[in-house]
């Protein structure tokens, strides 16, 4: 059985294909490109699977910002929390953990006990604790974001709580002659500080990281002080789409 999972994110659309419970394909498309080149509109969004070069699918599950607007008989929408928890089940085989998903424009913290979601915290209002913040700051520093993520020692202090004002503060630090490694570390540590209030009430031994920021080496380094074990999902950016596939294989008949 072939199952399609689509996570309609604010920055990118993640697409996963599963066959007989095994992942066989992952692909990312910019959100603008996806809606412009792979969809048509008839009151709701109609996804052209032929253009996506997916082939025949038996089931399809969607999550993310546009999950309820897709008009396709085989699609079943599920909420993002459910998708990311199921994705973590598939990728880690854990049933007791704290899930931290840092996406481009939102943050989700979910407590899972014995396979059941028992608590959650969301931040969908401020970009300063999201992946877009890191992208913007990397652009200011004119450094690839993957390179910036490597620096965590001796971070320069950045106190602005707004993503826009943070750019001005960073430019001021550049003008002071602060070294690049300290500037990069400061950006990474400032994001970590903004995540702490969301994580504070969640006690647990294992923290599962998903979303693009899971690839940030410095964030993982800082979080080691707060949890006994940090587990980065094998495909962190595709976790929601993988969760859609898992849901389709386990719960849809």
Foldseek 3Di string as FASTA:
>chain_A
DKEWFWEQEPFWIWIWIDDPLHTDDIDIDGNVCQQVPQWDDDPATEGNVVSVVPPDGPAYEYEYDRRVRYDDPRYDYDYQVLLLLLLCCSQPVDQFAWEWEAAQQKIKTFGGDRNRTDDIDIDRDARLLHPVLLVVLCVLVVHPSLVLLVAAPQADAQDDPHSVVSSVVLVVVVVVVDDPSNSSNNSLVSSLVVCCVRCVVDDDAEYEYAYPCLSRPNSVVVCVVVHNYYHYGPHRNCSSRSSRRSCCVPPND
